[in-house]
C-alpha cells in the first residue's frame, strides 16, 4: 500500500476533502476517522468546526450510549454512529466533501470521537485502517491516538 497523495501540500479545506474522497471505502467504516481528520486540520488552521454524529433508526442504542457519555463526560465505551460529519461555516460535510442538510442528533467532543473510533465494534469493516498512517503523513494531522 502506498500514499495516495498526488498533491504536494494540502492548503485548503477543499483540497483536504478531495484527498479524503480518494481513499477507498472512506464512507464505509472510515467516516469517523475522516471527520476527525477534517476537524483537526481545521483546528490547525484556526478555523472553528464541530464533529457531528448522525444516527439512523437502527442505531438508536448507539445514540443513547453516546448521549449518556457526553452527559457524564466519561468517554470509555463510546460507540460508532451511522455517519460522521464536520460542521464548518454552518454546513455539514461528510468525508467525501458532500454537504448535507441531514438533521444531526448531536455534536460530539473530540474525546468522544477518539474513543468511539478506537472501539472498532460497530464501524463498517471495508475501510482499511492502514490508511490512517498515510492520512497522517499526507495531511500533517496527528491521528496516533486512533491508530490501533
Foldseek 3Di string as FASTA:
>chain_A
DDFPDPDPADDDLVSLLQSLLPAPCCFQQNFLVLQLLSCQLCVVVVFDKFKFAAADPVCVVLVVVQVVCQVVVPQAPRAHHNGMWMQGPNWTQTSNRDTDPDDTPDTHDSSNSLNHLLVSPPGGDPHDLVCSVSSCVRHVGDNVSNRD
